[in-house]
Amino acid sequence: MSWVYLILAGLFEIGWPLGLKLSQTTPHKYAYISVAIVSMAISGVFLWMAQKTIPIGTAYAIWTGIGAVGTLTIGILFFQDSASIWRLLSALLIVVGIVGLKLAH
């Protein structure tokens, strides 16, 4: 169950930068700042739950990796962020690292 908590933590980790971005690009500034704050809190709780059985370094690296690659993907798909080959290859390296940490556990 800890791995499920960790994946949920990573997905909610995507929510706070998305909330902050939307607070800058829509008229609903305070609503999206609230979304960001709630996402941070939920993400932290799930990370805390995951760390009960997953080593802290593994949990933290996977949590931030999911957040980073997920946010990068949303930026490319919805905010016209660059999808250069170097950005995509770098994201792939993060994913390979996440899989490696899971397999090494």
PDB file of N, CA and C in Angstrom:
ATOM      1  N   MET A   1       0.823  -1.200   0.000  1.00  0.00           N
ATOM      2  CA  MET A   1       0.000   0.000   0.000  1.00  0.00           C
ATOM      3  C   MET A   1       0.864   1.260   0.000  1.00  0.00           C
ATOM      4  N   SER A   2       2.063   1.161   0.556  1.00  0.00           N
ATOM      5  CA  SER A   2       2.942   2.331   0.601  1.00  0.00           C
ATOM      6  C   SER A   2       3.284   2.857  -0.780  1.00  0.00           C
ATOM      7  N   TRP A   3       3.403   1.956  -1.754  1.00  0.00           N
ATOM      8  CA  TRP A   3       3.721   2.400  -3.109  1.00  0.00           C
ATOM      9  C   TRP A   3       2.542   3.139  -3.722  1.00  0.00           C
ATOM     10  N   VAL A   4       1.343   2.725  -3.393  1.00  0.00           N
ATOM     11  CA  VAL A   4       0.153   3.449  -3.862  1.00  0.00           C
ATOM     12  C   VAL A   4       0.156   4.852  -3.256  1.00  0.00           C
ATOM     13  N   TYR A   5       0.455   4.937  -1.957  1.00  0.00           N
ATOM     14  CA  TYR A   5       0.533   6.246  -1.298  1.00  0.00           C
ATOM     15  C   TYR A   5       1.585   7.128  -1.962  1.00  0.00           C
ATOM     16  N   LEU A   6       2.711   6.521  -2.321  1.00  0.00           N
ATOM     17  CA  LEU A   6       3.787   7.294  -2.931  1.00  0.00           C
ATOM     18  C   LEU A   6       3.384   7.806  -4.317  1.00  0.00           C
ATOM     19  N   ILE A   7       2.709   6.984  -5.090  1.00  0.00           N
ATOM     20  CA  ILE A   7       2.249   7.436  -6.405  1.00  0.00           C
ATOM     21  C   ILE A   7       1.223   8.555  -6.249  1.00  0.00           C
ATOM     22  N   LEU A   8       0.303   8.400  -5.299  1.00  0.00           N
ATOM     23  CA  LEU A   8      -0.673   9.471  -5.048  1.00  0.00           C
ATOM     24  C   LEU A   8       0.025  10.754  -4.611  1.00  0.00           C
ATOM     25  N   ALA A   9       1.031  10.617  -3.756  1.00  0.00           N
ATOM     26  CA  ALA A   9       1.798  11.790  -3.323  1.00  0.00           C
ATOM     27  C   ALA A   9       2.425  12.488  -4.525  1.00  0.00           C
ATOM     28  N   GLY A  10       2.993  11.715  -5.433  1.00  0.00           N
ATOM     29  CA  GLY A  10       3.604  12.289  -6.628  1.00  0.00           C
ATOM     30  C   GLY A  10       2.592  12.977  -7.522  1.00  0.00           C
ATOM     31  N   LEU A  11       1.411  12.387  -7.653  1.00  0.00           N
ATOM     32  CA  LEU A  11       0.382  13.007  -8.485  1.00  0.00           C
ATOM     33  C   LEU A  11      -0.107  14.315  -7.873  1.00  0.00           C
ATOM     34  N   PHE A  12      -0.283  14.343  -6.547  1.00  0.00           N
ATOM     35  CA  PHE A  12      -0.680  15.600  -5.911  1.00  0.00           C
ATOM     36  C   PHE A  12       0.467  16.613  -5.925  1.00  0.00           C
ATOM     37  N   GLU A  13       1.692  16.129  -6.040  1.00  0.00           N
ATOM     38  CA  GLU A  13       2.840  17.032  -6.170  1.00  0.00           C
ATOM     39  C   GLU A  13       2.746  17.835  -7.464  1.00  0.00           C
ATOM     40  N   ILE A  14       2.109  17.263  -8.469  1.00  0.00           N
ATOM     41  CA  ILE A  14       1.885  17.977  -9.730  1.00  0.00           C
ATOM     42  C   ILE A  14       0.871  19.105  -9.535  1.00  0.00           C
ATOM     43  N   GLY A  15      -0.044  18.927  -8.607  1.00  0.00           N
ATOM     44  CA  GLY A  15      -1.140  19.868  -8.417  1.00  0.00           C
ATOM     45  C   GLY A  15      -0.737  21.243  -7.955  1.00  0.00           C
ATOM     46  N   TRP A  16       0.322  21.318  -7.150  1.00  0.00           N
ATOM     47  CA  TRP A  16       0.635  22.665  -6.640  1.00  0.00           C
ATOM     48  C   TRP A  16       1.291  23.564  -7.677  1.00  0.00           C
ATOM     49  N   PRO A  17       2.246  23.124  -8.487  1.00  0.00           N
ATOM     50  CA  PRO A  17       2.741  24.053  -9.511  1.00  0.00           C
ATOM     51  C   PRO A  17       1.671  24.362 -10.562  1.00  0.00           C
ATOM     52  N   LEU A  18       0.802  23.384 -10.828  1.00  0.00           N
ATOM     53  CA  LEU A  18      -0.289  23.645 -11.756  1.00  0.00           C
ATOM     54  C   LEU A  18      -1.233  24.700 -11.177  1.00  0.00           C
ATOM     55  N   GLY A  19      -1.569  24.586  -9.909  1.00  0.00           N
ATOM     56  CA  GLY A  19      -2.414  25.590  -9.274  1.00  0.00           C
ATOM     57  C   GLY A  19      -1.793  26.975  -9.307  1.00  0.00           C
ATOM     58  N   LEU A  20      -0.493  27.036  -9.050  1.00  0.00           N
ATOM     59  CA  LEU A  20       0.190  28.334  -9.086  1.00  0.00           C
ATOM     60  C   LEU A  20       0.194  28.922 -10.493  1.00  0.00           C
ATOM     61  N   LYS A  21       0.419  28.075 -11.495  1.00  0.00           N
ATOM     62  CA  LYS A  21       0.412  28.555 -12.884  1.00  0.00           C
ATOM     63  C   LYS A  21      -0.971  29.064 -13.269  1.00  0.00           C
ATOM     64  N   LEU A  22      -2.003  28.303 -12.908  1.00  0.00           N
ATOM     65  CA  LEU A  22      -3.363  28.713 -13.248  1.00  0.00           C
ATOM     66  C   LEU A  22      -3.763  29.988 -12.507  1.00  0.00           C
ATOM     67  N   SER A  23      -3.199  30.199 -11.325  1.00  0.00           N
ATOM     68  CA  SER A  23      -3.518  31.438 -10.591  1.00  0.00           C
ATOM     69  C   SER A  23      -2.957  32.669 -11.300  1.00  0.00           C
ATOM     70  N   GLN A  24      -1.964  32.456 -12.154  1.00  0.00           N
ATOM     71  CA  GLN A  24      -1.365  33.563 -12.909  1.00  0.00           C
ATOM     72  C   GLN A  24      -2.010  33.767 -14.273  1.00  0.00           C
ATOM     73  N   THR A  25      -2.727  32.758 -14.749  1.00  0.00           N
ATOM     74  CA  THR A  25      -3.223  32.813 -16.125  1.00  0.00           C
ATOM     75  C   THR A  25      -4.745  32.831 -16.225  1.00  0.00           C
ATOM     76  N   THR A  26      -5.442  32.843 -15.095  1.00  0.00           N
ATOM     77  CA  THR A  26      -6.906  32.897 -15.103  1.00  0.00           C
ATOM     78  C   THR A  26      -7.360  33.981 -14.127  1.00  0.00           C
ATOM     79  N   PRO A  27      -8.589  34.370 -14.200  1.00  0.00           N
ATOM     80  CA  PRO A  27      -9.086  35.387 -13.254  1.00  0.00           C
ATOM     81  C   PRO A  27      -9.381  34.822 -11.856  1.00  0.00           C
ATOM     82  N   HIS A  28      -9.210  33.522 -11.680  1.00  0.00           N
ATOM     83  CA  HIS A  28      -9.536  32.875 -10.404  1.00  0.00           C
ATOM     84  C   HIS A  28      -8.287  32.680  -9.546  1.00  0.00           C
ATOM     85  N   LYS A  29      -7.556  33.747  -9.335  1.00  0.00           N
ATOM     86  CA  LYS A  29      -6.263  33.718  -8.664  1.00  0.00           C
ATOM     87  C   LYS A  29      -6.310  32.985  -7.323  1.00  0.00           C
ATOM     88  N   TYR A  30      -7.202  33.410  -6.430  1.00  0.00           N
ATOM     89  CA  TYR A  30      -7.206  32.857  -5.075  1.00  0.00           C
ATOM     90  C   TYR A  30      -7.733  31.429  -5.025  1.00  0.00           C
ATOM     91  N   ALA A  31      -8.626  31.096  -5.927  1.00  0.00           N
ATOM     92  CA  ALA A  31      -9.118  29.718  -5.982  1.00  0.00           C
ATOM     93  C   ALA A  31      -7.982  28.761  -6.342  1.00  0.00           C
ATOM     94  N   TYR A  32      -7.171  29.135  -7.327  1.00  0.00           N
ATOM     95  CA  TYR A  32      -6.081  28.255  -7.745  1.00  0.00           C
ATOM     96  C   TYR A  32      -4.917  28.259  -6.756  1.00  0.00           C
ATOM     97  N   ILE A  33      -4.707  29.351  -6.061  1.00  0.00           N
ATOM     98  CA  ILE A  33      -3.713  29.337  -4.976  1.00  0.00           C
ATOM     99  C   ILE A  33      -4.181  28.375  -3.894  1.00  0.00           C
ATOM    100  N   SER A  34      -5.469  28.357  -3.625  1.00  0.00           N
ATOM    101  CA  SER A  34      -6.024  27.407  -2.654  1.00  0.00           C
ATOM    102  C   SER A  34      -5.823  25.969  -3.121  1.00  0.00           C
ATOM    103  N   VAL A  35      -6.035  25.716  -4.400  1.00  0.00           N
ATOM    104  CA  VAL A  35      -5.795  24.384  -4.961  1.00  0.00           C
ATOM    105  C   VAL A  35      -4.336  23.990  -4.748  1.00  0.00           C
ATOM    106  N   ALA A  36      -3.432  24.927  -4.991  1.00  0.00           N
ATOM    107  CA  ALA A  36      -2.004  24.644  -4.799  1.00  0.00           C
ATOM    108  C   ALA A  36      -1.704  24.281  -3.349  1.00  0.00           C
ATOM    109  N   ILE A  37      -2.246  25.029  -2.416  1.00  0.00           N
ATOM    110  CA  ILE A  37      -1.984  24.776  -0.990  1.00  0.00           C
ATOM    111  C   ILE A  37      -2.552  23.425  -0.566  1.00  0.00           C
ATOM    112  N   VAL A  38      -3.773  23.130  -0.995  1.00  0.00           N
ATOM    113  CA  VAL A  38      -4.391  21.840  -0.647  1.00  0.00           C
ATOM    114  C   VAL A  38      -3.589  20.696  -1.273  1.00  0.00           C
ATOM    115  N   SER A  39      -3.153  20.862  -2.518  1.00  0.00           N
ATOM    116  CA  SER A  39      -2.348  19.827  -3.177  1.00  0.00           C
ATOM    117  C   SER A  39      -1.041  19.584  -2.427  1.00  0.00           C
ATOM    118  N   MET A  40      -0.402  20.657  -1.978  1.00  0.00           N
ATOM    119  CA  MET A  40       0.828  20.505  -1.192  1.00  0.00           C
ATOM    120  C   MET A  40       0.569  19.686   0.061  1.00  0.00           C
ATOM    121  N   ALA A  41      -0.494  20.021   0.757  1.00  0.00           N
ATOM    122  CA  ALA A  41      -0.803  19.327   2.010  1.00  0.00           C
ATOM    123  C   ALA A  41      -1.103  17.850   1.769  1.00  0.00           C
ATOM    124  N   ILE A  42      -1.936  17.562   0.791  1.00  0.00           N
ATOM    125  CA  ILE A  42      -2.285  16.168   0.499  1.00  0.00           C
ATOM    126  C   ILE A  42      -1.055  15.394   0.054  1.00  0.00           C
ATOM    127  N   SER A  43      -0.246  16.006  -0.780  1.00  0.00           N
ATOM    128  CA  SER A  43       0.986  15.374  -1.239  1.00  0.00           C
ATOM    129  C   SER A  43       1.891  15.032  -0.061  1.00  0.00           C
ATOM    130  N   GLY A  44       2.029  15.974   0.853  1.00  0.00           N
ATOM    131  CA  GLY A  44       2.871  15.740   2.024  1.00  0.00           C
ATOM    132  C   GLY A  44       2.352  14.625   2.907  1.00  0.00           C
ATOM    133  N   VAL A  45       1.049  14.557   3.083  1.00  0.00           N
ATOM    134  CA  VAL A  45       0.463  13.486   3.914  1.00  0.00           C
ATOM    135  C   VAL A  45       0.703  12.124   3.271  1.00  0.00           C
ATOM    136  N   PHE A  46       0.470  12.015   1.962  1.00  0.00           N
ATOM    137  CA  PHE A  46       0.717  10.736   1.302  1.00  0.00           C
ATOM    138  C   PHE A  46       2.195  10.358   1.327  1.00  0.00           C
ATOM    139  N   LEU A  47       3.091  11.327   1.186  1.00  0.00           N
ATOM    140  CA  LEU A  47       4.521  11.034   1.287  1.00  0.00           C
ATOM    141  C   LEU A  47       4.846  10.536   2.684  1.00  0.00           C
ATOM    142  N   TRP A  48       4.304  11.173   3.691  1.00  0.00           N
ATOM    143  CA  TRP A  48       4.511  10.746   5.080  1.00  0.00           C
ATOM    144  C   TRP A  48       4.049   9.302   5.278  1.00  0.00           C
ATOM    145  N   MET A  49       2.890   8.974   4.712  1.00  0.00           N
ATOM    146  CA  MET A  49       2.362   7.617   4.841  1.00  0.00           C
ATOM    147  C   MET A  49       3.246   6.603   4.116  1.00  0.00           C
ATOM    148  N   ALA A  50       3.741   6.981   2.959  1.00  0.00           N
ATOM    149  CA  ALA A  50       4.592   6.081   2.176  1.00  0.00           C
ATOM    150  C   ALA A  50       5.914   5.810   2.874  1.00  0.00           C
ATOM    151  N   GLN A  51       6.448   6.813   3.572  1.00  0.00           N
ATOM    152  CA  GLN A  51       7.756   6.666   4.203  1.00  0.00           C
ATOM    153  C   GLN A  51       7.738   5.764   5.421  1.00  0.00           C
ATOM    154  N   LYS A  52       6.581   5.294   5.820  1.00  0.00           N
ATOM    155  CA  LYS A  52       6.533   4.352   6.945  1.00  0.00           C
ATOM    156  C   LYS A  52       7.250   3.057   6.598  1.00  0.00           C
ATOM    157  N   THR A  53       7.222   2.663   5.314  1.00  0.00           N
ATOM    158  CA  THR A  53       7.891   1.410   4.921  1.00  0.00           C
ATOM    159  C   THR A  53       8.876   1.585   3.767  1.00  0.00           C
ATOM    160  N   ILE A  54       8.803   2.678   3.051  1.00  0.00           N
ATOM    161  CA  ILE A  54       9.741   2.920   1.940  1.00  0.00           C
ATOM    162  C   ILE A  54      10.863   3.813   2.460  1.00  0.00           C
ATOM    163  N   PRO A  55      12.123   3.469   2.165  1.00  0.00           N
ATOM    164  CA  PRO A  55      13.234   4.308   2.635  1.00  0.00           C
ATOM    165  C   PRO A  55      13.067   5.761   2.190  1.00  0.00           C
ATOM    166  N   ILE A  56      13.472   6.675   3.050  1.00  0.00           N
ATOM    167  CA  ILE A  56      13.256   8.108   2.829  1.00  0.00           C
ATOM    168  C   ILE A  56      13.869   8.591   1.514  1.00  0.00           C
ATOM    169  N   GLY A  57      15.076   8.168   1.211  1.00  0.00           N
ATOM    170  CA  GLY A  57      15.727   8.614  -0.021  1.00  0.00           C
ATOM    171  C   GLY A  57      15.006   8.125  -1.262  1.00  0.00           C
ATOM    172  N   THR A  58      14.574   6.875  -1.241  1.00  0.00           N
ATOM    173  CA  THR A  58      13.819   6.314  -2.361  1.00  0.00           C
ATOM    174  C   THR A  58      12.490   7.038  -2.517  1.00  0.00           C
ATOM    175  N   ALA A  59      11.771   7.196  -1.413  1.00  0.00           N
ATOM    176  CA  ALA A  59      10.463   7.857  -1.454  1.00  0.00           C
ATOM    177  C   ALA A  59      10.591   9.284  -1.972  1.00  0.00           C
ATOM    178  N   TYR A  60      11.564  10.025  -1.463  1.00  0.00           N
ATOM    179  CA  TYR A  60      11.714  11.422  -1.862  1.00  0.00           C
ATOM    180  C   TYR A  60      12.078  11.545  -3.342  1.00  0.00           C
ATOM    181  N   ALA A  61      12.993  10.705  -3.805  1.00  0.00           N
ATOM    182  CA  ALA A  61      13.414  10.772  -5.211  1.00  0.00           C
ATOM    183  C   ALA A  61      12.257  10.434  -6.146  1.00  0.00           C
ATOM    184  N   ILE A  62      11.488   9.425  -5.803  1.00  0.00           N
ATOM    185  CA  ILE A  62      10.358   9.046  -6.649  1.00  0.00           C
ATOM    186  C   ILE A  62       9.273  10.117  -6.600  1.00  0.00           C
ATOM    187  N   TRP A  63       8.992  10.641  -5.414  1.00  0.00           N
ATOM    188  CA  TRP A  63       7.985  11.698  -5.236  1.00  0.00           C
ATOM    189  C   TRP A  63       8.320  12.913  -6.090  1.00  0.00           C
ATOM    190  N   THR A  64       9.556  13.384  -5.993  1.00  0.00           N
ATOM    191  CA  THR A  64       9.930  14.565  -6.773  1.00  0.00           C
ATOM    192  C   THR A  64      10.019  14.237  -8.268  1.00  0.00           C
ATOM    193  N   GLY A  65      10.407  13.015  -8.598  1.00  0.00           N
ATOM    194  CA  GLY A  65      10.481  12.622 -10.004  1.00  0.00           C
ATOM    195  C   GLY A  65       9.119  12.612 -10.664  1.00  0.00           C
ATOM    196  N   ILE A  66       8.134  12.026  -9.976  1.00  0.00           N
ATOM    197  CA  ILE A  66       6.769  12.027 -10.514  1.00  0.00           C
ATOM    198  C   ILE A  66       6.284  13.467 -10.682  1.00  0.00           C
ATOM    199  N   GLY A  67       6.534  14.291  -9.674  1.00  0.00           N
ATOM    200  CA  GLY A  67       6.121  15.692  -9.746  1.00  0.00           C
ATOM    201  C   GLY A  67       6.804  16.437 -10.881  1.00  0.00           C
ATOM    202  N   ALA A  68       8.092  16.212 -11.039  1.00  0.00           N
ATOM    203  CA  ALA A  68       8.845  16.923 -12.077  1.00  0.00           C
ATOM    204  C   ALA A  68       8.419  16.506 -13.477  1.00  0.00           C
ATOM    205  N   VAL A  69       8.364  15.217 -13.727  1.00  0.00           N
ATOM    206  CA  VAL A  69       8.007  14.734 -15.067  1.00  0.00           C
ATOM    207  C   VAL A  69       6.537  15.029 -15.369  1.00  0.00           C
ATOM    208  N   GLY A  70       5.682  14.881 -14.367  1.00  0.00           N
ATOM    209  CA  GLY A  70       4.270  15.195 -14.569  1.00  0.00           C
ATOM    210  C   GLY A  70       4.045  16.664 -14.879  1.00  0.00           C
ATOM    211  N   THR A  71       4.726  17.530 -14.143  1.00  0.00           N
ATOM    212  CA  THR A  71       4.596  18.968 -14.380  1.00  0.00           C
ATOM    213  C   THR A  71       5.182  19.350 -15.734  1.00  0.00           C
ATOM    214  N   LEU A  72       6.296  18.758 -16.090  1.00  0.00           N
ATOM    215  CA  LEU A  72       6.889  19.000 -17.412  1.00  0.00           C
ATOM    216  C   LEU A  72       5.910  18.604 -18.512  1.00  0.00           C
ATOM    217  N   THR A  73       5.283  17.458 -18.356  1.00  0.00           N
ATOM    218  CA  THR A  73       4.323  16.974 -19.349  1.00  0.00           C
ATOM    219  C   THR A  73       3.123  17.911 -19.474  1.00  0.00           C
ATOM    220  N   ILE A  74       2.572  18.350 -18.351  1.00  0.00           N
ATOM    221  CA  ILE A  74       1.450  19.289 -18.384  1.00  0.00           C
ATOM    222  C   ILE A  74       1.871  20.604 -19.040  1.00  0.00           C
ATOM    223  N   GLY A  75       3.079  21.056 -18.743  1.00  0.00           N
ATOM    224  CA  GLY A  75       3.573  22.283 -19.368  1.00  0.00           C
ATOM    225  C   GLY A  75       3.652  22.164 -20.877  1.00  0.00           C
ATOM    226  N   ILE A  76       4.115  21.030 -21.343  1.00  0.00           N
ATOM    227  CA  ILE A  76       4.226  20.813 -22.787  1.00  0.00           C
ATOM    228  C   ILE A  76       2.836  20.714 -23.421  1.00  0.00           C
ATOM    229  N   LEU A  77       1.949  19.953 -22.798  1.00  0.00           N
ATOM    230  CA  LEU A  77       0.639  19.698 -23.395  1.00  0.00           C
ATOM    231  C   LEU A  77      -0.315  20.889 -23.334  1.00  0.00           C
ATOM    232  N   PHE A  78      -0.241  21.671 -22.252  1.00  0.00           N
ATOM    233  CA  PHE A  78      -1.256  22.697 -22.042  1.00  0.00           C
ATOM    234  C   PHE A  78      -0.746  24.141 -22.002  1.00  0.00           C
ATOM    235  N   PHE A  79       0.568  24.325 -21.845  1.00  0.00           N
ATOM    236  CA  PHE A  79       1.090  25.694 -21.707  1.00  0.00           C
ATOM    237  C   PHE A  79       2.169  26.020 -22.744  1.00  0.00           C
ATOM    238  N   GLN A  80       2.262  25.236 -23.784  1.00  0.00           N
ATOM    239  CA  GLN A  80       3.189  25.459 -24.888  1.00  0.00           C
ATOM    240  C   GLN A  80       4.656  25.540 -24.443  1.00  0.00           C
ATOM    241  N   ASP A  81       4.997  24.818 -23.364  1.00  0.00           N
ATOM    242  CA  ASP A  81       6.407  24.739 -22.980  1.00  0.00           C
ATOM    243  C   ASP A  81       7.170  23.976 -24.062  1.00  0.00           C
ATOM    244  N   SER A  82       8.449  24.217 -24.128  1.00  0.00           N
ATOM    245  CA  SER A  82       9.295  23.575 -25.128  1.00  0.00           C
ATOM    246  C   SER A  82       9.290  22.052 -24.957  1.00  0.00           C
ATOM    247  N   ALA A  83       9.238  21.353 -26.084  1.00  0.00           N
ATOM    248  CA  ALA A  83       9.332  19.895 -26.089  1.00  0.00           C
ATOM    249  C   ALA A  83      10.581  19.480 -26.857  1.00  0.00           C
ATOM    250  N   SER A  84      11.680  20.156 -26.574  1.00  0.00           N
ATOM    251  CA  SER A  84      12.921  19.851 -27.292  1.00  0.00           C
ATOM    252  C   SER A  84      13.398  18.445 -26.946  1.00  0.00           C
ATOM    253  N   ILE A  85      14.188  17.917 -27.806  1.00  0.00           N
ATOM    254  CA  ILE A  85      14.707  16.560 -27.610  1.00  0.00           C
ATOM    255  C   ILE A  85      15.478  16.448 -26.294  1.00  0.00           C
ATOM    256  N   TRP A  86      16.205  17.488 -25.923  1.00  0.00           N
ATOM    257  CA  TRP A  86      16.993  17.437 -24.690  1.00  0.00           C
ATOM    258  C   TRP A  86      16.103  17.426 -23.450  1.00  0.00           C
ATOM    259  N   ARG A  87      15.015  18.170 -23.486  1.00  0.00           N
ATOM    260  CA  ARG A  87      14.072  18.152 -22.360  1.00  0.00           C
ATOM    261  C   ARG A  87      13.418  16.780 -22.243  1.00  0.00           C
ATOM    262  N   LEU A  88      13.031  16.208 -23.372  1.00  0.00           N
ATOM    263  CA  LEU A  88      12.381  14.904 -23.351  1.00  0.00           C
ATOM    264  C   LEU A  88      13.338  13.801 -22.932  1.00  0.00           C
ATOM    265  N   LEU A  89      14.558  13.856 -23.416  1.00  0.00           N
ATOM    266  CA  LEU A  89      15.557  12.853 -22.997  1.00  0.00           C
ATOM    267  C   LEU A  89      15.874  12.988 -21.507  1.00  0.00           C
ATOM    268  N   SER A  90      15.940  14.192 -21.021  1.00  0.00           N
ATOM    269  CA  SER A  90      16.190  14.408 -19.597  1.00  0.00           C
ATOM    270  C   SER A  90      15.052  13.856 -18.749  1.00  0.00           C
ATOM    271  N   ALA A  91      13.823  14.071 -19.199  1.00  0.00           N
ATOM    272  CA  ALA A  91      12.668  13.512 -18.492  1.00  0.00           C
ATOM    273  C   ALA A  91      12.706  11.987 -18.527  1.00  0.00           C
ATOM    274  N   LEU A  92      13.108  11.432 -19.652  1.00  0.00           N
ATOM    275  CA  LEU A  92      13.242   9.978 -19.751  1.00  0.00           C
ATOM    276  C   LEU A  92      14.261   9.449 -18.748  1.00  0.00           C
ATOM    277  N   LEU A  93      15.344  10.160 -18.561  1.00  0.00           N
ATOM    278  CA  LEU A  93      16.348   9.743 -17.569  1.00  0.00           C
ATOM    279  C   LEU A  93      15.765   9.750 -16.156  1.00  0.00           C
ATOM    280  N   ILE A  94      14.918  10.724 -15.873  1.00  0.00           N
ATOM    281  CA  ILE A  94      14.257  10.754 -14.559  1.00  0.00           C
ATOM    282  C   ILE A  94      13.373   9.522 -14.403  1.00  0.00           C
ATOM    283  N   VAL A  95      12.605   9.191 -15.444  1.00  0.00           N
ATOM    284  CA  VAL A  95      11.726   8.019 -15.389  1.00  0.00           C
ATOM    285  C   VAL A  95      12.552   6.744 -15.210  1.00  0.00           C
ATOM    286  N   VAL A  96      13.646   6.625 -15.928  1.00  0.00           N
ATOM    287  CA  VAL A  96      14.524   5.457 -15.775  1.00  0.00           C
ATOM    288  C   VAL A  96      15.039   5.383 -14.342  1.00  0.00           C
ATOM    289  N   GLY A  97      15.394   6.508 -13.770  1.00  0.00           N
ATOM    290  CA  GLY A  97      15.847   6.530 -12.374  1.00  0.00           C
ATOM    291  C   GLY A  97      14.754   6.095 -11.406  1.00  0.00           C
ATOM    292  N   ILE A  98      13.534   6.541 -11.648  1.00  0.00           N
ATOM    293  CA  ILE A  98      12.402   6.142 -10.793  1.00  0.00           C
ATOM    294  C   ILE A  98      12.192   4.629 -10.870  1.00  0.00           C
ATOM    295  N   VAL A  99      12.189   4.098 -12.074  1.00  0.00           N
ATOM    296  CA  VAL A  99      12.010   2.648 -12.236  1.00  0.00           C
ATOM    297  C   VAL A  99      13.159   1.899 -11.572  1.00  0.00           C
ATOM    298  N   GLY A 100      14.371   2.402 -11.733  1.00  0.00           N
ATOM    299  CA  GLY A 100      15.520   1.761 -11.097  1.00  0.00           C
ATOM    300  C   GLY A 100      15.412   1.752  -9.587  1.00  0.00           C
ATOM    301  N   LEU A 101      14.968   2.855  -9.003  1.00  0.00           N
ATOM    302  CA  LEU A 101      14.799   2.898  -7.548  1.00  0.00           C
ATOM    303  C   LEU A 101      13.720   1.921  -7.077  1.00  0.00           C
ATOM    304  N   LYS A 102      12.656   1.802  -7.847  1.00  0.00           N
ATOM    305  CA  LYS A 102      11.597   0.860  -7.488  1.00  0.00           C
ATOM    306  C   LYS A 102      12.111  -0.575  -7.570  1.00  0.00           C
ATOM    307  N   LEU A 103      12.841  -0.888  -8.641  1.00  0.00           N
ATOM    308  CA  LEU A 103      13.365  -2.243  -8.799  1.00  0.00           C
ATOM    309  C   LEU A 103      14.420  -2.580  -7.753  1.00  0.00           C
ATOM    310  N   ALA A 104      15.182  -1.584  -7.335  1.00  0.00           N
ATOM    311  CA  ALA A 104      16.233  -1.797  -6.338  1.00  0.00           C
ATOM    312  C   ALA A 104      15.677  -1.966  -4.931  1.00  0.00           C
ATOM    313  N   HIS A 105      14.417  -1.546  -4.740  1.00  0.00           N
ATOM    314  CA  HIS A 105      13.800  -1.647  -3.415  1.00  0.00           C
ATOM    315  C   HIS A 105      13.538  -3.099  -3.161  1.00  0.00           C
TER     316      HIS A 105
END
